[in-house]
Amino acid sequence: MVYIDKYDSRHPVRMYSRIGLRAPLHCAAVSKVLLADLPEGERRRVAAGIDYVPFTANTLTTPKALLAELAEVRSRGWAADRAEHESFLNCIAAPVRDATGRVVAAVSISVPDLVLPYDRVRELLPRLRATADAVSADCGLAPSRTHDPEHPARREQQ
C-alpha cells in the first residue's frame, strides 16, 4: 500500500507516513480496507505471501489472524490499527469506492494515543465515513450504494 496524500496535524507529535512511502499490508488500517475488498481467493493468496514482521506487541503475525481481521473489516465496512504498526498510534480507515462499488482507495485518521485514546478516535468514525462517502461520490458511486454489501460489484467478489 502506498500513501498518495496526507494532511499533517499541527500537533508536534505526528505519524511517520509520507506521500509515496509504503505501509505494511498486515498492520495498517488503510491496507486492511484495501485487502478486505479483494475476492476471497486473492485475499488468501496475498495473506499467504506477506512477511509478518511484528512491529509491536499488537501486530497481526499470521495469515489466519489477518484473514479473520479482514472478514471483520469487510463486514463492518471500516478498519482499525490499534497500535499494530506503531506502539503509540491508533488509526481508523474507511473505503473509497469507484462507480462500480469496488474499493479503489482508503482514507484514515491516525492519532497518537497520548493525544486521543482509541475509544475517542473511534468517535471520529462517522466523520471519516462521511468523508470517504463524499470522495466515493466524486468517483461516481451512487450515494445509496456507499455501504451496500449487496451492490452488484460486492456480490461478484464473494
N, C-alpha and C. Protein backbone atom coordinates (compact mmCIF):
# COMPACT_ATOMS: atom_id res chain seq x y z
N MET A 1 0.85 -1.15 0.00
CA MET A 1 0.00 0.00 0.00
C MET A 1 0.90 1.22 0.00
N VAL A 2 0.55 2.20 -0.83
CA VAL A 2 1.34 3.42 -0.94
C VAL A 2 0.47 4.62 -0.57
N TYR A 3 1.02 5.50 0.25
CA TYR A 3 0.33 6.74 0.61
C TYR A 3 0.37 7.70 -0.58
N ILE A 4 -0.81 8.22 -0.99
CA ILE A 4 -0.84 9.14 -2.12
C ILE A 4 -1.14 10.58 -1.70
N ASP A 5 -1.60 10.78 -0.49
CA ASP A 5 -1.83 12.13 0.01
C ASP A 5 -1.86 12.09 1.53
N LYS A 6 -1.65 13.24 2.13
CA LYS A 6 -1.62 13.29 3.59
C LYS A 6 -1.86 14.71 4.05
N TYR A 7 -2.58 14.84 5.14
CA TYR A 7 -2.76 16.12 5.80
C TYR A 7 -2.13 15.98 7.18
N ASP A 8 -1.08 16.75 7.43
CA ASP A 8 -0.38 16.67 8.71
C ASP A 8 -1.08 17.49 9.77
N SER A 9 -1.07 16.96 10.97
CA SER A 9 -1.60 17.67 12.13
C SER A 9 -0.71 18.85 12.48
N ARG A 10 -1.28 19.80 13.17
CA ARG A 10 -0.48 20.90 13.69
C ARG A 10 0.14 20.53 15.03
N HIS A 11 -0.27 19.38 15.58
CA HIS A 11 0.27 18.91 16.85
C HIS A 11 1.72 18.47 16.65
N PRO A 12 2.60 18.68 17.61
CA PRO A 12 4.02 18.34 17.42
C PRO A 12 4.29 16.83 17.31
N VAL A 13 3.41 15.97 17.85
CA VAL A 13 3.61 14.52 17.72
C VAL A 13 2.83 14.04 16.51
N ARG A 14 3.55 13.47 15.54
CA ARG A 14 2.93 13.06 14.28
C ARG A 14 3.33 11.66 13.89
N MET A 15 2.57 11.09 12.97
CA MET A 15 2.90 9.77 12.45
C MET A 15 3.96 9.91 11.36
N TYR A 16 4.73 8.87 11.14
CA TYR A 16 5.88 8.94 10.24
C TYR A 16 5.52 8.89 8.77
N SER A 17 4.30 8.52 8.39
CA SER A 17 3.96 8.30 6.98
C SER A 17 4.28 9.52 6.13
N ARG A 18 4.64 9.24 4.89
CA ARG A 18 4.94 10.28 3.92
C ARG A 18 4.36 9.87 2.57
N ILE A 19 3.95 10.86 1.79
CA ILE A 19 3.43 10.59 0.46
C ILE A 19 4.49 9.83 -0.33
N GLY A 20 4.06 8.74 -0.97
CA GLY A 20 4.97 7.91 -1.76
C GLY A 20 5.59 6.75 -1.01
N LEU A 21 5.53 6.78 0.33
CA LEU A 21 6.06 5.67 1.11
C LEU A 21 5.03 4.55 1.20
N ARG A 22 5.52 3.37 1.46
CA ARG A 22 4.65 2.20 1.58
C ARG A 22 4.33 1.90 3.04
N ALA A 23 3.18 1.26 3.23
CA ALA A 23 2.77 0.79 4.55
C ALA A 23 2.62 -0.72 4.48
N PRO A 24 2.88 -1.42 5.57
CA PRO A 24 2.74 -2.87 5.58
C PRO A 24 1.28 -3.29 5.36
N LEU A 25 1.10 -4.41 4.73
CA LEU A 25 -0.25 -4.90 4.44
C LEU A 25 -0.95 -5.50 5.66
N HIS A 26 -0.19 -6.00 6.61
CA HIS A 26 -0.80 -6.76 7.72
C HIS A 26 -1.11 -5.95 8.97
N CYS A 27 -0.72 -4.67 8.99
CA CYS A 27 -0.93 -3.94 10.25
C CYS A 27 -1.28 -2.47 10.08
N ALA A 28 -1.67 -2.07 8.91
CA ALA A 28 -2.12 -0.68 8.69
C ALA A 28 -3.61 -0.72 8.35
N ALA A 29 -4.37 0.18 8.95
CA ALA A 29 -5.82 0.19 8.72
C ALA A 29 -6.15 0.40 7.24
N VAL A 30 -5.44 1.29 6.57
CA VAL A 30 -5.73 1.52 5.15
C VAL A 30 -5.47 0.27 4.32
N SER A 31 -4.42 -0.46 4.65
CA SER A 31 -4.13 -1.72 3.94
C SER A 31 -5.24 -2.73 4.14
N LYS A 32 -5.72 -2.82 5.37
CA LYS A 32 -6.79 -3.77 5.68
C LYS A 32 -8.06 -3.46 4.89
N VAL A 33 -8.38 -2.16 4.75
CA VAL A 33 -9.56 -1.77 3.97
C VAL A 33 -9.40 -2.24 2.52
N LEU A 34 -8.23 -2.02 1.95
CA LEU A 34 -7.99 -2.41 0.56
C LEU A 34 -8.02 -3.93 0.40
N LEU A 35 -7.37 -4.64 1.29
CA LEU A 35 -7.33 -6.10 1.21
C LEU A 35 -8.70 -6.73 1.43
N ALA A 36 -9.49 -6.18 2.33
CA ALA A 36 -10.79 -6.76 2.67
C ALA A 36 -11.72 -6.80 1.47
N ASP A 37 -11.54 -5.92 0.52
CA ASP A 37 -12.43 -5.86 -0.64
C ASP A 37 -12.01 -6.81 -1.77
N LEU A 38 -10.85 -7.41 -1.65
CA LEU A 38 -10.40 -8.34 -2.69
C LEU A 38 -11.27 -9.60 -2.69
N PRO A 39 -11.39 -10.26 -3.84
CA PRO A 39 -12.08 -11.55 -3.85
C PRO A 39 -11.36 -12.51 -2.89
N GLU A 40 -12.12 -13.44 -2.33
CA GLU A 40 -11.59 -14.31 -1.29
C GLU A 40 -10.30 -15.02 -1.68
N GLY A 41 -10.24 -15.58 -2.86
CA GLY A 41 -9.03 -16.29 -3.29
C GLY A 41 -7.81 -15.38 -3.33
N GLU A 42 -8.01 -14.17 -3.81
CA GLU A 42 -6.90 -13.22 -3.87
C GLU A 42 -6.49 -12.78 -2.47
N ARG A 43 -7.47 -12.57 -1.58
CA ARG A 43 -7.15 -12.23 -0.18
C ARG A 43 -6.27 -13.31 0.42
N ARG A 44 -6.65 -14.56 0.21
CA ARG A 44 -5.88 -15.68 0.77
C ARG A 44 -4.47 -15.73 0.19
N ARG A 45 -4.34 -15.52 -1.12
CA ARG A 45 -3.01 -15.53 -1.75
C ARG A 45 -2.12 -14.42 -1.19
N VAL A 46 -2.70 -13.23 -1.08
CA VAL A 46 -1.92 -12.10 -0.54
C VAL A 46 -1.52 -12.39 0.90
N ALA A 47 -2.48 -12.84 1.71
CA ALA A 47 -2.18 -13.13 3.13
C ALA A 47 -1.09 -14.18 3.27
N ALA A 48 -1.09 -15.16 2.40
CA ALA A 48 -0.07 -16.22 2.46
C ALA A 48 1.32 -15.72 2.08
N GLY A 49 1.38 -14.63 1.30
CA GLY A 49 2.67 -14.14 0.81
C GLY A 49 3.29 -13.02 1.62
N ILE A 50 2.63 -12.59 2.67
CA ILE A 50 3.14 -11.47 3.47
C ILE A 50 4.22 -11.93 4.43
N ASP A 51 5.25 -11.10 4.59
CA ASP A 51 6.27 -11.31 5.61
C ASP A 51 5.74 -10.62 6.87
N TYR A 52 5.27 -11.39 7.82
CA TYR A 52 4.60 -10.86 9.01
C TYR A 52 5.59 -10.32 10.05
N VAL A 53 6.17 -9.18 9.74
CA VAL A 53 7.09 -8.52 10.66
C VAL A 53 6.29 -7.99 11.85
N PRO A 54 6.67 -8.37 13.07
CA PRO A 54 5.96 -7.86 14.25
C PRO A 54 6.51 -6.50 14.68
N PHE A 55 5.83 -5.44 14.30
CA PHE A 55 6.28 -4.09 14.63
C PHE A 55 6.03 -3.75 16.10
N THR A 56 4.93 -4.27 16.65
CA THR A 56 4.58 -4.04 18.05
C THR A 56 4.01 -5.33 18.62
N ALA A 57 3.67 -5.32 19.89
CA ALA A 57 3.05 -6.50 20.52
C ALA A 57 1.65 -6.76 19.96
N ASN A 58 1.03 -5.76 19.31
CA ASN A 58 -0.32 -5.90 18.76
C ASN A 58 -0.36 -6.29 17.28
N THR A 59 0.78 -6.37 16.64
CA THR A 59 0.83 -6.67 15.21
C THR A 59 0.28 -8.06 14.93
N LEU A 60 -0.54 -8.18 13.89
CA LEU A 60 -1.01 -9.48 13.43
C LEU A 60 0.19 -10.21 12.83
N THR A 61 0.38 -11.47 13.19
CA THR A 61 1.60 -12.16 12.77
C THR A 61 1.37 -13.46 12.02
N THR A 62 0.11 -13.74 11.63
CA THR A 62 -0.16 -14.96 10.87
C THR A 62 -1.22 -14.68 9.80
N PRO A 63 -1.19 -15.46 8.72
CA PRO A 63 -2.25 -15.32 7.72
C PRO A 63 -3.64 -15.54 8.32
N LYS A 64 -3.77 -16.50 9.21
CA LYS A 64 -5.07 -16.79 9.83
C LYS A 64 -5.60 -15.57 10.58
N ALA A 65 -4.75 -14.91 11.35
CA ALA A 65 -5.16 -13.72 12.11
C ALA A 65 -5.55 -12.59 11.16
N LEU A 66 -4.78 -12.39 10.11
CA LEU A 66 -5.09 -11.33 9.15
C LEU A 66 -6.40 -11.61 8.44
N LEU A 67 -6.60 -12.84 7.99
CA LEU A 67 -7.84 -13.17 7.28
C LEU A 67 -9.06 -13.00 8.18
N ALA A 68 -8.94 -13.34 9.44
CA ALA A 68 -10.05 -13.13 10.39
C ALA A 68 -10.33 -11.64 10.53
N GLU A 69 -9.29 -10.85 10.64
CA GLU A 69 -9.44 -9.40 10.73
C GLU A 69 -10.08 -8.83 9.47
N LEU A 70 -9.65 -9.32 8.31
CA LEU A 70 -10.21 -8.83 7.05
C LEU A 70 -11.69 -9.18 6.92
N ALA A 71 -12.09 -10.32 7.44
CA ALA A 71 -13.51 -10.69 7.43
C ALA A 71 -14.32 -9.69 8.27
N GLU A 72 -13.78 -9.28 9.40
CA GLU A 72 -14.45 -8.27 10.24
C GLU A 72 -14.51 -6.93 9.53
N VAL A 73 -13.42 -6.54 8.91
CA VAL A 73 -13.37 -5.27 8.19
C VAL A 73 -14.42 -5.28 7.07
N ARG A 74 -14.47 -6.34 6.35
CA ARG A 74 -15.43 -6.47 5.24
C ARG A 74 -16.86 -6.36 5.75
N SER A 75 -17.13 -6.98 6.88
CA SER A 75 -18.47 -6.99 7.46
C SER A 75 -18.88 -5.61 7.99
N ARG A 76 -17.99 -4.94 8.71
CA ARG A 76 -18.37 -3.67 9.34
C ARG A 76 -18.13 -2.46 8.44
N GLY A 77 -17.28 -2.61 7.41
CA GLY A 77 -17.08 -1.53 6.46
C GLY A 77 -16.00 -0.52 6.81
N TRP A 78 -15.17 -0.81 7.77
CA TRP A 78 -14.05 0.06 8.14
C TRP A 78 -13.01 -0.79 8.88
N ALA A 79 -11.81 -0.24 9.01
CA ALA A 79 -10.71 -0.98 9.64
C ALA A 79 -10.06 -0.15 10.74
N ALA A 80 -9.35 -0.85 11.61
CA ALA A 80 -8.61 -0.19 12.69
C ALA A 80 -7.20 -0.76 12.78
N ASP A 81 -6.33 0.06 13.27
CA ASP A 81 -4.96 -0.33 13.64
C ASP A 81 -4.80 0.20 15.06
N ARG A 82 -4.88 -0.73 16.01
CA ARG A 82 -4.74 -0.34 17.42
C ARG A 82 -3.31 -0.60 17.85
N ALA A 83 -2.46 0.36 17.56
CA ALA A 83 -1.03 0.25 17.90
C ALA A 83 -0.40 -1.01 17.33
N GLU A 84 -0.77 -1.34 16.10
CA GLU A 84 -0.21 -2.53 15.44
C GLU A 84 1.06 -2.21 14.66
N HIS A 85 1.13 -1.01 14.10
CA HIS A 85 2.30 -0.64 13.32
C HIS A 85 3.26 0.23 14.13
N GLU A 86 2.69 1.13 14.91
CA GLU A 86 3.49 1.97 15.81
C GLU A 86 2.82 1.90 17.17
N SER A 87 3.59 1.63 18.21
CA SER A 87 3.04 1.33 19.53
C SER A 87 2.27 2.48 20.16
N PHE A 88 2.45 3.69 19.70
CA PHE A 88 1.80 4.84 20.31
C PHE A 88 0.66 5.40 19.46
N LEU A 89 0.31 4.72 18.37
CA LEU A 89 -0.60 5.29 17.39
C LEU A 89 -1.83 4.41 17.17
N ASN A 90 -3.00 5.04 17.10
CA ASN A 90 -4.25 4.36 16.74
C ASN A 90 -4.76 4.96 15.44
N CYS A 91 -5.34 4.11 14.60
CA CYS A 91 -5.79 4.55 13.30
C CYS A 91 -7.11 3.87 12.95
N ILE A 92 -7.98 4.61 12.27
CA ILE A 92 -9.19 4.02 11.69
C ILE A 92 -9.19 4.40 10.21
N ALA A 93 -9.76 3.54 9.38
CA ALA A 93 -9.78 3.78 7.94
C ALA A 93 -11.10 3.35 7.35
N ALA A 94 -11.51 4.04 6.30
CA ALA A 94 -12.76 3.74 5.59
C ALA A 94 -12.47 3.66 4.10
N PRO A 95 -13.26 2.86 3.38
CA PRO A 95 -13.01 2.68 1.95
C PRO A 95 -13.53 3.82 1.09
N VAL A 96 -12.82 4.05 -0.02
CA VAL A 96 -13.27 4.91 -1.10
C VAL A 96 -13.58 3.97 -2.26
N ARG A 97 -14.80 4.07 -2.78
CA ARG A 97 -15.25 3.18 -3.84
C ARG A 97 -15.43 3.94 -5.16
N ASP A 98 -15.22 3.22 -6.26
CA ASP A 98 -15.47 3.82 -7.57
C ASP A 98 -16.93 3.59 -7.97
N ALA A 99 -17.28 3.95 -9.18
CA ALA A 99 -18.67 3.85 -9.65
C ALA A 99 -19.20 2.43 -9.63
N THR A 100 -18.31 1.43 -9.70
CA THR A 100 -18.76 0.03 -9.69
C THR A 100 -18.94 -0.51 -8.28
N GLY A 101 -18.50 0.24 -7.28
CA GLY A 101 -18.59 -0.22 -5.90
C GLY A 101 -17.31 -0.85 -5.38
N ARG A 102 -16.32 -0.99 -6.23
CA ARG A 102 -15.05 -1.58 -5.79
C ARG A 102 -14.23 -0.56 -4.99
N VAL A 103 -13.51 -1.07 -3.99
CA VAL A 103 -12.63 -0.20 -3.20
C VAL A 103 -11.40 0.13 -4.03
N VAL A 104 -11.15 1.42 -4.21
CA VAL A 104 -10.00 1.87 -5.00
C VAL A 104 -8.99 2.64 -4.17
N ALA A 105 -9.39 3.00 -2.95
CA ALA A 105 -8.51 3.75 -2.06
C ALA A 105 -9.10 3.68 -0.65
N ALA A 106 -8.40 4.28 0.28
CA ALA A 106 -8.90 4.35 1.66
C ALA A 106 -8.48 5.68 2.25
N VAL A 107 -9.30 6.18 3.16
CA VAL A 107 -8.95 7.38 3.92
C VAL A 107 -8.85 6.97 5.38
N SER A 108 -7.98 7.65 6.11
CA SER A 108 -7.77 7.25 7.50
C SER A 108 -7.49 8.45 8.39
N ILE A 109 -7.65 8.20 9.66
CA ILE A 109 -7.26 9.16 10.70
C ILE A 109 -6.34 8.40 11.65
N SER A 110 -5.14 8.94 11.84
CA SER A 110 -4.17 8.36 12.76
C SER A 110 -3.87 9.37 13.86
N VAL A 111 -3.96 8.90 15.09
CA VAL A 111 -3.78 9.82 16.22
C VAL A 111 -2.90 9.15 17.29
N PRO A 112 -1.88 9.85 17.76
CA PRO A 112 -1.09 9.31 18.87
C PRO A 112 -1.97 9.09 20.10
N ASP A 113 -1.75 7.99 20.79
CA ASP A 113 -2.55 7.63 21.96
C ASP A 113 -2.51 8.71 23.04
N LEU A 114 -1.40 9.39 23.18
CA LEU A 114 -1.31 10.43 24.20
C LEU A 114 -2.15 11.65 23.86
N VAL A 115 -2.50 11.81 22.60
CA VAL A 115 -3.36 12.92 22.18
C VAL A 115 -4.83 12.53 22.29
N LEU A 116 -5.14 11.30 21.85
CA LEU A 116 -6.52 10.83 21.84
C LEU A 116 -6.51 9.30 21.94
N PRO A 117 -7.07 8.73 22.99
CA PRO A 117 -7.09 7.26 23.11
C PRO A 117 -8.01 6.63 22.04
N TYR A 118 -7.85 5.35 21.83
CA TYR A 118 -8.55 4.63 20.77
C TYR A 118 -10.07 4.87 20.80
N ASP A 119 -10.69 4.79 21.96
CA ASP A 119 -12.14 4.97 22.03
C ASP A 119 -12.56 6.34 21.52
N ARG A 120 -11.77 7.34 21.77
CA ARG A 120 -12.07 8.69 21.27
C ARG A 120 -11.80 8.79 19.77
N VAL A 121 -10.78 8.07 19.28
CA VAL A 121 -10.52 8.04 17.84
C VAL A 121 -11.74 7.42 17.14
N ARG A 122 -12.28 6.36 17.72
CA ARG A 122 -13.47 5.71 17.13
C ARG A 122 -14.65 6.66 17.04
N GLU A 123 -14.74 7.64 17.93
CA GLU A 123 -15.82 8.62 17.87
C GLU A 123 -15.74 9.46 16.59
N LEU A 124 -14.58 9.47 15.94
CA LEU A 124 -14.39 10.21 14.69
C LEU A 124 -14.86 9.42 13.47
N LEU A 125 -15.24 8.17 13.66
CA LEU A 125 -15.63 7.29 12.56
C LEU A 125 -16.76 7.87 11.70
N PRO A 126 -17.84 8.42 12.26
CA PRO A 126 -18.88 8.97 11.38
C PRO A 126 -18.36 10.06 10.43
N ARG A 127 -17.50 10.91 10.93
CA ARG A 127 -16.93 11.96 10.07
C ARG A 127 -16.01 11.36 9.00
N LEU A 128 -15.23 10.37 9.41
CA LEU A 128 -14.33 9.72 8.46
C LEU A 128 -15.13 9.03 7.36
N ARG A 129 -16.18 8.31 7.74
CA ARG A 129 -17.01 7.63 6.74
C ARG A 129 -17.71 8.63 5.83
N ALA A 130 -18.15 9.75 6.38
CA ALA A 130 -18.78 10.78 5.55
C ALA A 130 -17.78 11.32 4.52
N THR A 131 -16.54 11.49 4.94
CA THR A 131 -15.50 11.95 4.02
C THR A 131 -15.26 10.91 2.94
N ALA A 132 -15.12 9.64 3.33
CA ALA A 132 -14.92 8.57 2.34
C ALA A 132 -16.11 8.48 1.38
N ASP A 133 -17.31 8.66 1.91
CA ASP A 133 -18.51 8.62 1.07
C ASP A 133 -18.51 9.77 0.06
N ALA A 134 -18.08 10.96 0.50
CA ALA A 134 -18.03 12.11 -0.40
C ALA A 134 -17.02 11.88 -1.52
N VAL A 135 -15.87 11.32 -1.18
CA VAL A 135 -14.86 11.03 -2.19
C VAL A 135 -15.38 9.94 -3.13
N SER A 136 -16.05 8.94 -2.57
CA SER A 136 -16.64 7.87 -3.40
C SER A 136 -17.66 8.45 -4.37
N ALA A 137 -18.47 9.38 -3.91
CA ALA A 137 -19.45 10.03 -4.79
C ALA A 137 -18.74 10.78 -5.92
N ASP A 138 -17.63 11.43 -5.58
CA ASP A 138 -16.83 12.11 -6.61
C ASP A 138 -16.26 11.12 -7.62
N CYS A 139 -16.08 9.87 -7.18
CA CYS A 139 -15.58 8.81 -8.07
C CYS A 139 -16.71 8.14 -8.84
N GLY A 140 -17.96 8.62 -8.65
CA GLY A 140 -19.08 8.11 -9.42
C GLY A 140 -19.99 7.13 -8.71
N LEU A 141 -19.72 6.83 -7.45
CA LEU A 141 -20.56 5.89 -6.71
C LEU A 141 -21.87 6.56 -6.32
N ALA A 142 -22.99 5.89 -6.60
CA ALA A 142 -24.29 6.40 -6.20
C ALA A 142 -24.36 6.43 -4.68
N PRO A 143 -24.79 7.54 -4.08
CA PRO A 143 -24.82 7.65 -2.61
C PRO A 143 -25.57 6.51 -1.92
N SER A 144 -26.60 5.99 -2.54
CA SER A 144 -27.36 4.90 -1.90
C SER A 144 -26.57 3.61 -1.84
N ARG A 145 -25.47 3.51 -2.57
CA ARG A 145 -24.68 2.27 -2.64
C ARG A 145 -23.42 2.31 -1.79
N THR A 146 -23.19 3.38 -1.07
CA THR A 146 -21.93 3.56 -0.35
C THR A 146 -21.58 2.41 0.57
N HIS A 147 -22.54 1.95 1.37
CA HIS A 147 -22.26 0.88 2.33
C HIS A 147 -23.05 -0.39 2.03
N ASP A 148 -23.56 -0.53 0.83
CA ASP A 148 -24.44 -1.63 0.46
C ASP A 148 -23.66 -2.90 0.12
N PRO A 149 -23.67 -3.91 1.01
CA PRO A 149 -22.94 -5.14 0.71
C PRO A 149 -23.57 -5.93 -0.43
N GLU A 150 -24.80 -5.57 -0.82
CA GLU A 150 -25.47 -6.27 -1.91
C GLU A 150 -25.27 -5.58 -3.25
N HIS A 151 -24.46 -4.53 -3.27
CA HIS A 151 -24.16 -3.87 -4.54
C HIS A 151 -23.61 -4.93 -5.49
N PRO A 152 -23.99 -4.90 -6.79
CA PRO A 152 -23.54 -5.93 -7.72
C PRO A 152 -22.03 -6.17 -7.71
N ALA A 153 -21.23 -5.13 -7.60
CA ALA A 153 -19.77 -5.32 -7.58
C ALA A 153 -19.35 -6.07 -6.33
N ARG A 154 -20.04 -5.85 -5.23
CA ARG A 154 -19.70 -6.55 -3.98
C ARG A 154 -20.09 -8.03 -4.10
N ARG A 155 -21.25 -8.33 -4.70
CA ARG A 155 -21.69 -9.73 -4.83
C ARG A 155 -20.73 -10.51 -5.73
N GLU A 156 -20.22 -9.88 -6.80
CA GLU A 156 -19.29 -10.55 -7.71
C GLU A 156 -18.04 -11.02 -6.99
N GLN A 157 -17.66 -10.33 -5.94
CA GLN A 157 -16.42 -10.63 -5.24
C GLN A 157 -16.57 -11.77 -4.25
N GLN A 158 -17.77 -12.15 -3.94
CA GLN A 158 -18.00 -13.18 -2.92
C GLN A 158 -17.46 -14.53 -3.36
